[in-house]
């Protein structure tokens, strides 16, 4: 008689989830899905093209079929529909950059044992371009849902603070806003490309700087802060919001988008796991509850604070009276 698997064993299966993750990340690093775009290849043909071992390549390809990212027909491997949509460079929904960033995070997360002991980050690997373009991959999946939940009435001048690849800056410009994007110089070199690809190179002003140290400018009707708080400690976030208030016009709004934790700080899973990502990669960052972030806004002098839960993030709005 075969014993049924206990229902409470699901957590144990998660431990081996690293294996398919590593398979996908390695395939993406070798751009296997690009090489298979529009054509089937044998393991021998592909291994020659990407200069890898034939046996190892064949085993990896078979595992990708099992995962559902490839199909195998008459000894040739082809991209599945999912791979065609998300893993081929240049496609509108491409997610390969964020996978490359996750491959780098793999090295950093491997130091979690040490981080738990010392409380210090283990940021051993970093590729700034993969990180910023990865943020673009993710933001493209969310930007329309975020924009639908924002009120642009009466807004003319907008600051996208730490706007990274410029995904949201582009969306604001398409709404007719006068948009400024502020970020580090190395980031803006990437922003210029994504903004130019959107045909809005002349519509968005780029300001190089460290928003924690430098002046933000003035006269803004809205300051948008997307996925910034989690990289900093509470005192730094409060100080940033105070700077934002000074830079806003009367009646102007600050809008923050963030991953979040519920009041128990034990969920949702996305927020709880992301807090560990910040533990591993930053000095003081973590995930916060909507109430924590709302309290910062109140302390910074904002009124009419509103919270809106989206699929994975929360929007928190404060108004300068």
C-alpha atoms as a PDB file:
ATOM      1  CA  UNK A   1       0.000   0.000   0.000  1.00  0.00           C
ATOM      2  CA  UNK A   2       1.355   3.402  -1.045  1.00  0.00           C
ATOM      3  CA  UNK A   3       1.243   5.970   1.711  1.00  0.00           C
ATOM      4  CA  UNK A   4      -0.181   9.348   0.791  1.00  0.00           C
ATOM      5  CA  UNK A   5       2.083  12.342   1.150  1.00  0.00           C
ATOM      6  CA  UNK A   6       1.143  14.296   4.290  1.00  0.00           C
ATOM      7  CA  UNK A   7      -0.570  17.586   3.514  1.00  0.00           C
ATOM      8  CA  UNK A   8       1.864  19.475   5.717  1.00  0.00           C
ATOM      9  CA  UNK A   9       4.921  18.421   3.696  1.00  0.00           C
ATOM     10  CA  UNK A  10       4.570  21.260   1.149  1.00  0.00           C
ATOM     11  CA  UNK A  11       7.197  23.336   2.926  1.00  0.00           C
ATOM     12  CA  UNK A  12       9.725  20.560   2.351  1.00  0.00           C
ATOM     13  CA  UNK A  13       9.196  20.658  -1.417  1.00  0.00           C
ATOM     14  CA  UNK A  14      10.092  24.339  -1.399  1.00  0.00           C
ATOM     15  CA  UNK A  15      13.601  23.471  -0.252  1.00  0.00           C
ATOM     16  CA  UNK A  16      14.388  21.822  -3.587  1.00  0.00           C
ATOM     17  CA  UNK A  17      12.758  24.647  -5.570  1.00  0.00           C
ATOM     18  CA  UNK A  18      16.242  26.108  -5.977  1.00  0.00           C
ATOM     19  CA  UNK A  19      16.989  23.440  -8.604  1.00  0.00           C
ATOM     20  CA  UNK A  20      14.502  24.472 -11.343  1.00  0.00           C
ATOM     21  CA  UNK A  21      15.254  28.107 -10.495  1.00  0.00           C
ATOM     22  CA  UNK A  22      18.967  27.562 -11.108  1.00  0.00           C
ATOM     23  CA  UNK A  23      18.236  25.696 -14.350  1.00  0.00           C
ATOM     24  CA  UNK A  24      16.175  28.613 -15.684  1.00  0.00           C
ATOM     25  CA  UNK A  25      18.708  31.226 -14.568  1.00  0.00           C
ATOM     26  CA  UNK A  26      21.568  29.356 -16.232  1.00  0.00           C
ATOM     27  CA  UNK A  27      19.602  28.940 -19.465  1.00  0.00           C
ATOM     28  CA  UNK A  28      18.852  32.655 -19.431  1.00  0.00           C
ATOM     29  CA  UNK A  29      22.498  33.546 -18.734  1.00  0.00           C
ATOM     30  CA  UNK A  30      23.502  31.597 -21.853  1.00  0.00           C
ATOM     31  CA  UNK A  31      20.615  33.205 -23.800  1.00  0.00           C
ATOM     32  CA  UNK A  32      19.385  29.770 -24.813  1.00  0.00           C
ATOM     33  CA  UNK A  33      15.879  31.086 -25.474  1.00  0.00           C
ATOM     34  CA  UNK A  34      17.267  33.669 -27.919  1.00  0.00           C
ATOM     35  CA  UNK A  35      19.164  30.950 -29.779  1.00  0.00           C
ATOM     36  CA  UNK A  36      15.977  28.878 -30.067  1.00  0.00           C
ATOM     37  CA  UNK A  37      13.780  31.784 -31.168  1.00  0.00           C
ATOM     38  CA  UNK A  38      11.960  30.878 -34.363  1.00  0.00           C
ATOM     39  CA  UNK A  39      13.821  27.627 -34.943  1.00  0.00           C
ATOM     40  CA  UNK A  40      14.434  24.228 -33.418  1.00  0.00           C
ATOM     41  CA  UNK A  41      17.918  22.990 -32.594  1.00  0.00           C
ATOM     42  CA  UNK A  42      19.437  19.709 -31.494  1.00  0.00           C
ATOM     43  CA  UNK A  43      21.506  19.621 -28.320  1.00  0.00           C
ATOM     44  CA  UNK A  44      24.628  19.278 -30.468  1.00  0.00           C
ATOM     45  CA  UNK A  45      23.765  22.297 -32.620  1.00  0.00           C
ATOM     46  CA  UNK A  46      22.988  24.466 -29.606  1.00  0.00           C
ATOM     47  CA  UNK A  47      26.060  23.395 -27.649  1.00  0.00           C
ATOM     48  CA  UNK A  48      28.251  24.420 -30.595  1.00  0.00           C
ATOM     49  CA  UNK A  49      26.454  27.768 -30.884  1.00  0.00           C
ATOM     50  CA  UNK A  50      26.832  28.667 -27.199  1.00  0.00           C
ATOM     51  CA  UNK A  51      30.164  26.843 -26.741  1.00  0.00           C
ATOM     52  CA  UNK A  52      29.103  24.446 -24.017  1.00  0.00           C
ATOM     53  CA  UNK A  53      29.503  20.746 -23.316  1.00  0.00           C
ATOM     54  CA  UNK A  54      27.108  18.641 -25.424  1.00  0.00           C
ATOM     55  CA  UNK A  55      26.135  16.220 -22.637  1.00  0.00           C
ATOM     56  CA  UNK A  56      25.544  19.005 -20.127  1.00  0.00           C
ATOM     57  CA  UNK A  57      23.568  20.993 -22.697  1.00  0.00           C
ATOM     58  CA  UNK A  58      21.329  18.041 -23.521  1.00  0.00           C
ATOM     59  CA  UNK A  59      20.534  17.398 -19.875  1.00  0.00           C
ATOM     60  CA  UNK A  60      19.744  21.073 -19.308  1.00  0.00           C
ATOM     61  CA  UNK A  61      17.483  21.220 -22.366  1.00  0.00           C
ATOM     62  CA  UNK A  62      15.557  18.133 -21.260  1.00  0.00           C
ATOM     63  CA  UNK A  63      15.020  19.660 -17.833  1.00  0.00           C
ATOM     64  CA  UNK A  64      13.705  22.852 -19.461  1.00  0.00           C
ATOM     65  CA  UNK A  65      11.191  20.709 -21.363  1.00  0.00           C
ATOM     66  CA  UNK A  66      10.085  19.170 -18.061  1.00  0.00           C
ATOM     67  CA  UNK A  67       9.738  22.635 -16.543  1.00  0.00           C
ATOM     68  CA  UNK A  68       7.582  23.737 -19.485  1.00  0.00           C
ATOM     69  CA  UNK A  69       9.825  26.347 -21.072  1.00  0.00           C
ATOM     70  CA  UNK A  70      10.881  24.224 -24.051  1.00  0.00           C
ATOM     71  CA  UNK A  71       9.254  21.656 -26.319  1.00  0.00           C
ATOM     72  CA  UNK A  72      11.038  18.685 -27.890  1.00  0.00           C
ATOM     73  CA  UNK A  73      10.086  17.382 -31.327  1.00  0.00           C
ATOM     74  CA  UNK A  74      12.056  14.903 -33.432  1.00  0.00           C
ATOM     75  CA  UNK A  75      15.196  15.483 -31.383  1.00  0.00           C
ATOM     76  CA  UNK A  76      15.002  19.255 -31.692  1.00  0.00           C
ATOM     77  CA  UNK A  77      14.232  21.761 -28.954  1.00  0.00           C
ATOM     78  CA  UNK A  78      11.943  24.757 -29.405  1.00  0.00           C
ATOM     79  CA  UNK A  79      10.731  27.544 -27.128  1.00  0.00           C
ATOM     80  CA  UNK A  80       7.337  27.043 -25.516  1.00  0.00           C
ATOM     81  CA  UNK A  81       4.743  29.812 -25.720  1.00  0.00           C
ATOM     82  CA  UNK A  82       5.740  31.070 -22.276  1.00  0.00           C
ATOM     83  CA  UNK A  83       9.420  31.236 -23.231  1.00  0.00           C
ATOM     84  CA  UNK A  84       8.603  33.006 -26.495  1.00  0.00           C
ATOM     85  CA  UNK A  85       6.671  35.677 -24.620  1.00  0.00           C
ATOM     86  CA  UNK A  86       8.885  36.286 -21.597  1.00  0.00           C
ATOM     87  CA  UNK A  87      12.400  35.007 -22.298  1.00  0.00           C
ATOM     88  CA  UNK A  88      13.292  36.142 -25.813  1.00  0.00           C
ATOM     89  CA  UNK A  89      15.161  39.443 -26.016  1.00  0.00           C
ATOM     90  CA  UNK A  90      13.228  42.297 -27.570  1.00  0.00           C
ATOM     91  CA  UNK A  91       9.757  40.925 -26.886  1.00  0.00           C
ATOM     92  CA  UNK A  92       7.346  43.398 -25.193  1.00  0.00           C
ATOM     93  CA  UNK A  93       6.991  41.242 -22.055  1.00  0.00           C
ATOM     94  CA  UNK A  94      10.667  40.242 -21.836  1.00  0.00           C
ATOM     95  CA  UNK A  95      11.813  39.314 -18.315  1.00  0.00           C
ATOM     96  CA  UNK A  96      15.359  38.169 -19.008  1.00  0.00           C
ATOM     97  CA  UNK A  97      17.001  41.164 -17.343  1.00  0.00           C
ATOM     98  CA  UNK A  98      15.310  40.541 -14.005  1.00  0.00           C
ATOM     99  CA  UNK A  99      16.351  36.889 -14.270  1.00  0.00           C
ATOM    100  CA  UNK A 100      19.966  37.982 -14.754  1.00  0.00           C
ATOM    101  CA  UNK A 101      19.598  40.198 -11.688  1.00  0.00           C
ATOM    102  CA  UNK A 102      18.215  37.230  -9.739  1.00  0.00           C
ATOM    103  CA  UNK A 103      21.189  35.150 -10.832  1.00  0.00           C
ATOM    104  CA  UNK A 104      23.430  37.775  -9.237  1.00  0.00           C
ATOM    105  CA  UNK A 105      21.266  37.828  -6.108  1.00  0.00           C
ATOM    106  CA  UNK A 106      21.857  34.071  -5.891  1.00  0.00           C
ATOM    107  CA  UNK A 107      25.464  34.754  -4.883  1.00  0.00           C
ATOM    108  CA  UNK A 108      24.414  37.297  -2.271  1.00  0.00           C
ATOM    109  CA  UNK A 109      21.679  35.103  -0.785  1.00  0.00           C
ATOM    110  CA  UNK A 110      24.217  32.309  -0.395  1.00  0.00           C
ATOM    111  CA  UNK A 111      25.665  34.358   2.455  1.00  0.00           C
ATOM    112  CA  UNK A 112      22.441  34.376   4.491  1.00  0.00           C
ATOM    113  CA  UNK A 113      23.986  32.131   7.177  1.00  0.00           C
ATOM    114  CA  UNK A 114      26.661  34.754   7.760  1.00  0.00           C
ATOM    115  CA  UNK A 115      24.149  37.626   7.603  1.00  0.00           C
ATOM    116  CA  UNK A 116      22.059  36.002  10.324  1.00  0.00           C
ATOM    117  CA  UNK A 117      25.144  35.866  12.539  1.00  0.00           C
ATOM    118  CA  UNK A 118      26.437  39.385  11.914  1.00  0.00           C
ATOM    119  CA  UNK A 119      23.402  41.394  10.827  1.00  0.00           C
ATOM    120  CA  UNK A 120      25.529  42.815   8.020  1.00  0.00           C
ATOM    121  CA  UNK A 121      24.720  42.506   4.291  1.00  0.00           C
ATOM    122  CA  UNK A 122      26.458  40.020   2.009  1.00  0.00           C
ATOM    123  CA  UNK A 123      26.447  42.050  -1.215  1.00  0.00           C
ATOM    124  CA  UNK A 124      29.249  40.297  -3.051  1.00  0.00           C
ATOM    125  CA  UNK A 125      27.939  40.554  -6.619  1.00  0.00           C
ATOM    126  CA  UNK A 126      26.249  43.378  -8.478  1.00  0.00           C
ATOM    127  CA  UNK A 127      25.525  44.247 -12.108  1.00  0.00           C
ATOM    128  CA  UNK A 128      23.931  47.680 -12.225  1.00  0.00           C
ATOM    129  CA  UNK A 129      22.623  47.367 -15.767  1.00  0.00           C
ATOM    130  CA  UNK A 130      20.899  44.032 -15.099  1.00  0.00           C
ATOM    131  CA  UNK A 131      19.386  45.523 -11.942  1.00  0.00           C
ATOM    132  CA  UNK A 132      17.992  48.648 -13.615  1.00  0.00           C
ATOM    133  CA  UNK A 133      16.775  46.853 -16.738  1.00  0.00           C
ATOM    134  CA  UNK A 134      15.314  44.167 -14.479  1.00  0.00           C
ATOM    135  CA  UNK A 135      13.322  46.878 -12.701  1.00  0.00           C
ATOM    136  CA  UNK A 136      12.123  47.940 -16.156  1.00  0.00           C
ATOM    137  CA  UNK A 137      11.012  44.362 -16.916  1.00  0.00           C
ATOM    138  CA  UNK A 138       8.959  44.258 -13.712  1.00  0.00           C
ATOM    139  CA  UNK A 139       7.585  47.795 -13.957  1.00  0.00           C
ATOM    140  CA  UNK A 140       6.283  47.197 -17.479  1.00  0.00           C
ATOM    141  CA  UNK A 141       4.070  44.453 -16.039  1.00  0.00           C
ATOM    142  CA  UNK A 142       2.646  46.780 -13.362  1.00  0.00           C
ATOM    143  CA  UNK A 143       2.688  50.314 -14.723  1.00  0.00           C
ATOM    144  CA  UNK A 144      -0.780  50.301 -16.302  1.00  0.00           C
ATOM    145  CA  UNK A 145      -2.388  49.006 -13.105  1.00  0.00           C
ATOM    146  CA  UNK A 146      -0.640  51.682 -11.057  1.00  0.00           C
ATOM    147  CA  UNK A 147      -1.542  54.495 -13.459  1.00  0.00           C
ATOM    148  CA  UNK A 148      -5.218  53.485 -13.330  1.00  0.00           C
ATOM    149  CA  UNK A 149      -5.189  54.089  -9.589  1.00  0.00           C
ATOM    150  CA  UNK A 150      -3.668  57.588  -9.730  1.00  0.00           C
ATOM    151  CA  UNK A 151      -5.609  60.849 -10.002  1.00  0.00           C
ATOM    152  CA  UNK A 152      -3.855  63.237 -12.401  1.00  0.00           C
ATOM    153  CA  UNK A 153      -6.402  66.029 -12.117  1.00  0.00           C
ATOM    154  CA  UNK A 154      -4.647  69.366 -11.632  1.00  0.00           C
ATOM    155  CA  UNK A 155      -1.159  67.883 -12.000  1.00  0.00           C
ATOM    156  CA  UNK A 156       1.363  69.524 -14.300  1.00  0.00           C
ATOM    157  CA  UNK A 157       4.858  69.085 -12.901  1.00  0.00           C
ATOM    158  CA  UNK A 158       5.913  65.643 -11.650  1.00  0.00           C
ATOM    159  CA  UNK A 159       9.128  64.333 -10.089  1.00  0.00           C
ATOM    160  CA  UNK A 160       9.863  60.620 -10.464  1.00  0.00           C
ATOM    161  CA  UNK A 161      12.241  60.234  -7.529  1.00  0.00           C
ATOM    162  CA  UNK A 162      14.772  57.445  -7.943  1.00  0.00           C
ATOM    163  CA  UNK A 163      12.870  56.510 -11.082  1.00  0.00           C
ATOM    164  CA  UNK A 164      15.459  54.028 -12.309  1.00  0.00           C
ATOM    165  CA  UNK A 165      14.801  52.951 -15.898  1.00  0.00           C
ATOM    166  CA  UNK A 166      12.150  55.630 -16.404  1.00  0.00           C
ATOM    167  CA  UNK A 167       9.193  53.291 -16.869  1.00  0.00           C
ATOM    168  CA  UNK A 168       6.862  55.426 -14.762  1.00  0.00           C
ATOM    169  CA  UNK A 169       8.354  58.692 -16.038  1.00  0.00           C
ATOM    170  CA  UNK A 170       7.393  57.597 -19.557  1.00  0.00           C
ATOM    171  CA  UNK A 171       3.853  56.776 -18.406  1.00  0.00           C
ATOM    172  CA  UNK A 172       3.509  60.202 -16.755  1.00  0.00           C
ATOM    173  CA  UNK A 173       4.838  61.955 -19.870  1.00  0.00           C
ATOM    174  CA  UNK A 174       2.279  60.127 -21.997  1.00  0.00           C
ATOM    175  CA  UNK A 175      -0.374  61.633 -19.707  1.00  0.00           C
ATOM    176  CA  UNK A 176       0.872  65.099 -20.648  1.00  0.00           C
ATOM    177  CA  UNK A 177       2.844  65.757 -17.470  1.00  0.00           C
ATOM    178  CA  UNK A 178       6.023  67.854 -17.302  1.00  0.00           C
ATOM    179  CA  UNK A 179       8.260  65.089 -15.916  1.00  0.00           C
ATOM    180  CA  UNK A 180      11.607  65.184 -14.125  1.00  0.00           C
ATOM    181  CA  UNK A 181      13.452  61.974 -13.258  1.00  0.00           C
ATOM    182  CA  UNK A 182      16.147  62.087 -10.569  1.00  0.00           C
ATOM    183  CA  UNK A 183      18.609  59.246 -10.022  1.00  0.00           C
ATOM    184  CA  UNK A 184      22.303  58.425  -9.894  1.00  0.00           C
ATOM    185  CA  UNK A 185      24.354  59.210 -13.043  1.00  0.00           C
ATOM    186  CA  UNK A 186      25.059  55.520 -13.738  1.00  0.00           C
ATOM    187  CA  UNK A 187      21.327  54.847 -13.664  1.00  0.00           C
ATOM    188  CA  UNK A 188      20.447  57.777 -15.917  1.00  0.00           C
ATOM    189  CA  UNK A 189      22.742  56.428 -18.622  1.00  0.00           C
ATOM    190  CA  UNK A 190      20.359  53.469 -18.794  1.00  0.00           C
ATOM    191  CA  UNK A 191      17.230  55.619 -18.356  1.00  0.00           C
ATOM    192  CA  UNK A 192      18.179  57.619 -21.453  1.00  0.00           C
ATOM    193  CA  UNK A 193      18.006  54.465 -23.563  1.00  0.00           C
ATOM    194  CA  UNK A 194      14.622  53.259 -22.322  1.00  0.00           C
ATOM    195  CA  UNK A 195      13.129  56.757 -22.574  1.00  0.00           C
ATOM    196  CA  UNK A 196      14.509  57.192 -26.109  1.00  0.00           C
ATOM    197  CA  UNK A 197      13.040  53.822 -27.108  1.00  0.00           C
ATOM    198  CA  UNK A 198       9.659  55.175 -25.997  1.00  0.00           C
ATOM    199  CA  UNK A 199      10.169  58.217 -28.238  1.00  0.00           C
ATOM    200  CA  UNK A 200      10.080  60.631 -25.302  1.00  0.00           C
ATOM    201  CA  UNK A 201      13.708  61.697 -25.064  1.00  0.00           C
ATOM    202  CA  UNK A 202      12.755  65.379 -25.302  1.00  0.00           C
ATOM    203  CA  UNK A 203       9.824  65.167 -22.898  1.00  0.00           C
ATOM    204  CA  UNK A 204      11.545  64.044 -19.696  1.00  0.00           C
ATOM    205  CA  UNK A 205      14.182  66.025 -17.831  1.00  0.00           C
ATOM    206  CA  UNK A 206      16.936  63.953 -16.208  1.00  0.00           C
ATOM    207  CA  UNK A 207      18.658  65.193 -13.039  1.00  0.00           C
ATOM    208  CA  UNK A 208      21.722  63.270 -11.794  1.00  0.00           C
ATOM    209  CA  UNK A 209      22.100  63.137  -8.042  1.00  0.00           C
ATOM    210  CA  UNK A 210      21.677  61.362  -4.722  1.00  0.00           C
ATOM    211  CA  UNK A 211      18.151  62.151  -3.536  1.00  0.00           C
ATOM    212  CA  UNK A 212      19.153  61.452   0.052  1.00  0.00           C
ATOM    213  CA  UNK A 213      21.868  64.140  -0.043  1.00  0.00           C
ATOM    214  CA  UNK A 214      21.075  66.553  -2.879  1.00  0.00           C
ATOM    215  CA  UNK A 215      18.296  69.096  -3.362  1.00  0.00           C
ATOM    216  CA  UNK A 216      15.252  67.782  -5.213  1.00  0.00           C
ATOM    217  CA  UNK A 217      14.211  70.997  -6.921  1.00  0.00           C
ATOM    218  CA  UNK A 218      10.896  72.740  -6.316  1.00  0.00           C
ATOM    219  CA  UNK A 219       7.476  73.539  -7.728  1.00  0.00           C
ATOM    220  CA  UNK A 220       6.284  69.958  -8.137  1.00  0.00           C
ATOM    221  CA  UNK A 221       2.610  69.007  -8.101  1.00  0.00           C
ATOM    222  CA  UNK A 222       3.433  65.355  -7.477  1.00  0.00           C
ATOM    223  CA  UNK A 223       6.469  63.403  -6.324  1.00  0.00           C
ATOM    224  CA  UNK A 224       6.338  59.687  -7.113  1.00  0.00           C
ATOM    225  CA  UNK A 225       8.503  57.378  -4.985  1.00  0.00           C
ATOM    226  CA  UNK A 226       8.369  53.816  -6.299  1.00  0.00           C
ATOM    227  CA  UNK A 227      10.137  50.971  -4.483  1.00  0.00           C
ATOM    228  CA  UNK A 228      12.598  53.237  -2.666  1.00  0.00           C
ATOM    229  CA  UNK A 229      11.668  52.945   1.018  1.00  0.00           C
ATOM    230  CA  UNK A 230      12.613  49.275   1.292  1.00  0.00           C
ATOM    231  CA  UNK A 231      16.289  50.078   0.666  1.00  0.00           C
ATOM    232  CA  UNK A 232      16.508  52.393   3.692  1.00  0.00           C
ATOM    233  CA  UNK A 233      15.817  52.577   7.415  1.00  0.00           C
ATOM    234  CA  UNK A 234      12.793  54.383   8.916  1.00  0.00           C
ATOM    235  CA  UNK A 235      14.735  57.541   9.849  1.00  0.00           C
ATOM    236  CA  UNK A 236      16.058  57.900   6.302  1.00  0.00           C
ATOM    237  CA  UNK A 237      12.590  57.407   4.809  1.00  0.00           C
ATOM    238  CA  UNK A 238      11.139  60.062   7.116  1.00  0.00           C
ATOM    239  CA  UNK A 239      13.928  62.498   6.210  1.00  0.00           C
ATOM    240  CA  UNK A 240      13.283  61.897   2.505  1.00  0.00           C
ATOM    241  CA  UNK A 241       9.564  62.585   2.904  1.00  0.00           C
ATOM    242  CA  UNK A 242      10.343  65.853   4.683  1.00  0.00           C
ATOM    243  CA  UNK A 243      12.522  66.863   1.728  1.00  0.00           C
ATOM    244  CA  UNK A 244       9.685  65.963  -0.627  1.00  0.00           C
ATOM    245  CA  UNK A 245       7.242  68.162   1.273  1.00  0.00           C
ATOM    246  CA  UNK A 246       9.565  71.156   0.905  1.00  0.00           C
ATOM    247  CA  UNK A 247       9.787  70.548  -2.858  1.00  0.00           C
ATOM    248  CA  UNK A 248       6.021  70.286  -3.423  1.00  0.00           C
ATOM    249  CA  UNK A 249       3.623  73.087  -4.247  1.00  0.00           C
ATOM    250  CA  UNK A 250       0.794  73.720  -1.816  1.00  0.00           C
ATOM    251  CA  UNK A 251      -1.801  71.033  -2.474  1.00  0.00           C
ATOM    252  CA  UNK A 252       0.864  68.834  -4.053  1.00  0.00           C
ATOM    253  CA  UNK A 253       0.987  65.105  -3.434  1.00  0.00           C
ATOM    254  CA  UNK A 254       3.613  62.553  -2.579  1.00  0.00           C
ATOM    255  CA  UNK A 255       2.763  59.038  -3.761  1.00  0.00           C
ATOM    256  CA  UNK A 256       4.759  56.020  -2.636  1.00  0.00           C
ATOM    257  CA  UNK A 257       4.502  52.548  -4.152  1.00  0.00           C
ATOM    258  CA  UNK A 258       6.003  49.698  -2.147  1.00  0.00           C
ATOM    259  CA  UNK A 259       5.931  46.015  -1.394  1.00  0.00           C
ATOM    260  CA  UNK A 260       4.353  45.713   2.037  1.00  0.00           C
ATOM    261  CA  UNK A 261       3.789  43.584   5.118  1.00  0.00           C
ATOM    262  CA  UNK A 262       0.553  43.237   7.052  1.00  0.00           C
ATOM    263  CA  UNK A 263       0.453  44.412  10.656  1.00  0.00           C
ATOM    264  CA  UNK A 264       1.705  41.042  11.956  1.00  0.00           C
ATOM    265  CA  UNK A 265       4.738  41.428   9.635  1.00  0.00           C
ATOM    266  CA  UNK A 266       4.409  37.740   8.718  1.00  0.00           C
ATOM    267  CA  UNK A 267       2.797  38.183   5.314  1.00  0.00           C
ATOM    268  CA  UNK A 268       2.051  38.375   2.507  1.00  0.00           C
ATOM    269  CA  UNK A 269       4.770  35.961   1.404  1.00  0.00           C
ATOM    270  CA  UNK A 270       6.142  38.361  -1.229  1.00  0.00           C
ATOM    271  CA  UNK A 271       6.718  41.078   1.353  1.00  0.00           C
ATOM    272  CA  UNK A 272       8.151  38.765   4.005  1.00  0.00           C
ATOM    273  CA  UNK A 273      10.656  37.170   1.623  1.00  0.00           C
ATOM    274  CA  UNK A 274      11.580  40.529   0.103  1.00  0.00           C
ATOM    275  CA  UNK A 275      12.487  41.770   3.582  1.00  0.00           C
ATOM    276  CA  UNK A 276      15.197  39.095   3.638  1.00  0.00           C
ATOM    277  CA  UNK A 277      16.405  40.258   0.228  1.00  0.00           C
ATOM    278  CA  UNK A 278      16.900  43.695   1.751  1.00  0.00           C
ATOM    279  CA  UNK A 279      18.590  42.167   4.804  1.00  0.00           C
ATOM    280  CA  UNK A 280      21.096  40.435   2.543  1.00  0.00           C
ATOM    281  CA  UNK A 281      21.699  43.389   0.218  1.00  0.00           C
ATOM    282  CA  UNK A 282      21.382  46.590   2.282  1.00  0.00           C
ATOM    283  CA  UNK A 283      22.554  48.026   5.589  1.00  0.00           C
ATOM    284  CA  UNK A 284      19.153  49.057   6.970  1.00  0.00           C
ATOM    285  CA  UNK A 285      16.489  48.141   4.427  1.00  0.00           C
ATOM    286  CA  UNK A 286      13.446  45.926   4.904  1.00  0.00           C
ATOM    287  CA  UNK A 287       9.758  45.769   4.023  1.00  0.00           C
ATOM    288  CA  UNK A 288       7.286  47.970   5.909  1.00  0.00           C
ATOM    289  CA  UNK A 289       3.596  47.938   6.771  1.00  0.00           C
ATOM    290  CA  UNK A 290       1.234  50.484   5.187  1.00  0.00           C
ATOM    291  CA  UNK A 291       0.660  51.959   8.644  1.00  0.00           C
ATOM    292  CA  UNK A 292       4.395  52.445   9.207  1.00  0.00           C
ATOM    293  CA  UNK A 293       4.735  54.302   5.913  1.00  0.00           C
ATOM    294  CA  UNK A 294       1.581  56.323   6.567  1.00  0.00           C
ATOM    295  CA  UNK A 295       2.968  57.384   9.940  1.00  0.00           C
ATOM    296  CA  UNK A 296       6.140  58.671   8.275  1.00  0.00           C
ATOM    297  CA  UNK A 297       4.011  60.794   5.969  1.00  0.00           C
ATOM    298  CA  UNK A 298       2.065  62.160   8.911  1.00  0.00           C
ATOM    299  CA  UNK A 299       5.275  62.979  10.812  1.00  0.00           C
ATOM    300  CA  UNK A 300       6.654  64.655   7.683  1.00  0.00           C
ATOM    301  CA  UNK A 301       3.669  67.009   7.677  1.00  0.00           C
ATOM    302  CA  UNK A 302       1.397  65.460   5.064  1.00  0.00           C
ATOM    303  CA  UNK A 303      -2.392  65.370   5.435  1.00  0.00           C
ATOM    304  CA  UNK A 304      -5.227  63.365   3.897  1.00  0.00           C
ATOM    305  CA  UNK A 305      -3.165  60.187   3.833  1.00  0.00           C
ATOM    306  CA  UNK A 306      -4.726  57.403   1.761  1.00  0.00           C
ATOM    307  CA  UNK A 307      -3.756  53.748   1.252  1.00  0.00           C
ATOM    308  CA  UNK A 308      -4.650  51.571  -1.734  1.00  0.00           C
ATOM    309  CA  UNK A 309      -3.679  47.892  -1.903  1.00  0.00           C
ATOM    310  CA  UNK A 310      -2.815  46.607  -5.379  1.00  0.00           C
ATOM    311  CA  UNK A 311      -1.896  43.046  -6.396  1.00  0.00           C
ATOM    312  CA  UNK A 312       1.590  42.983  -4.836  1.00  0.00           C
ATOM    313  CA  UNK A 313       2.166  46.555  -3.725  1.00  0.00           C
ATOM    314  CA  UNK A 314       0.492  49.378  -1.841  1.00  0.00           C
ATOM    315  CA  UNK A 315       0.031  52.985  -2.956  1.00  0.00           C
ATOM    316  CA  UNK A 316       0.194  55.552  -0.163  1.00  0.00           C
ATOM    317  CA  UNK A 317      -0.688  59.173  -0.896  1.00  0.00           C
ATOM    318  CA  UNK A 318      -0.142  62.252   1.254  1.00  0.00           C
ATOM    319  CA  UNK A 319      -1.079  65.862   0.482  1.00  0.00           C
ATOM    320  CA  UNK A 320       0.759  69.066   1.371  1.00  0.00           C
ATOM    321  CA  UNK A 321      -1.814  71.491   2.766  1.00  0.00           C
END
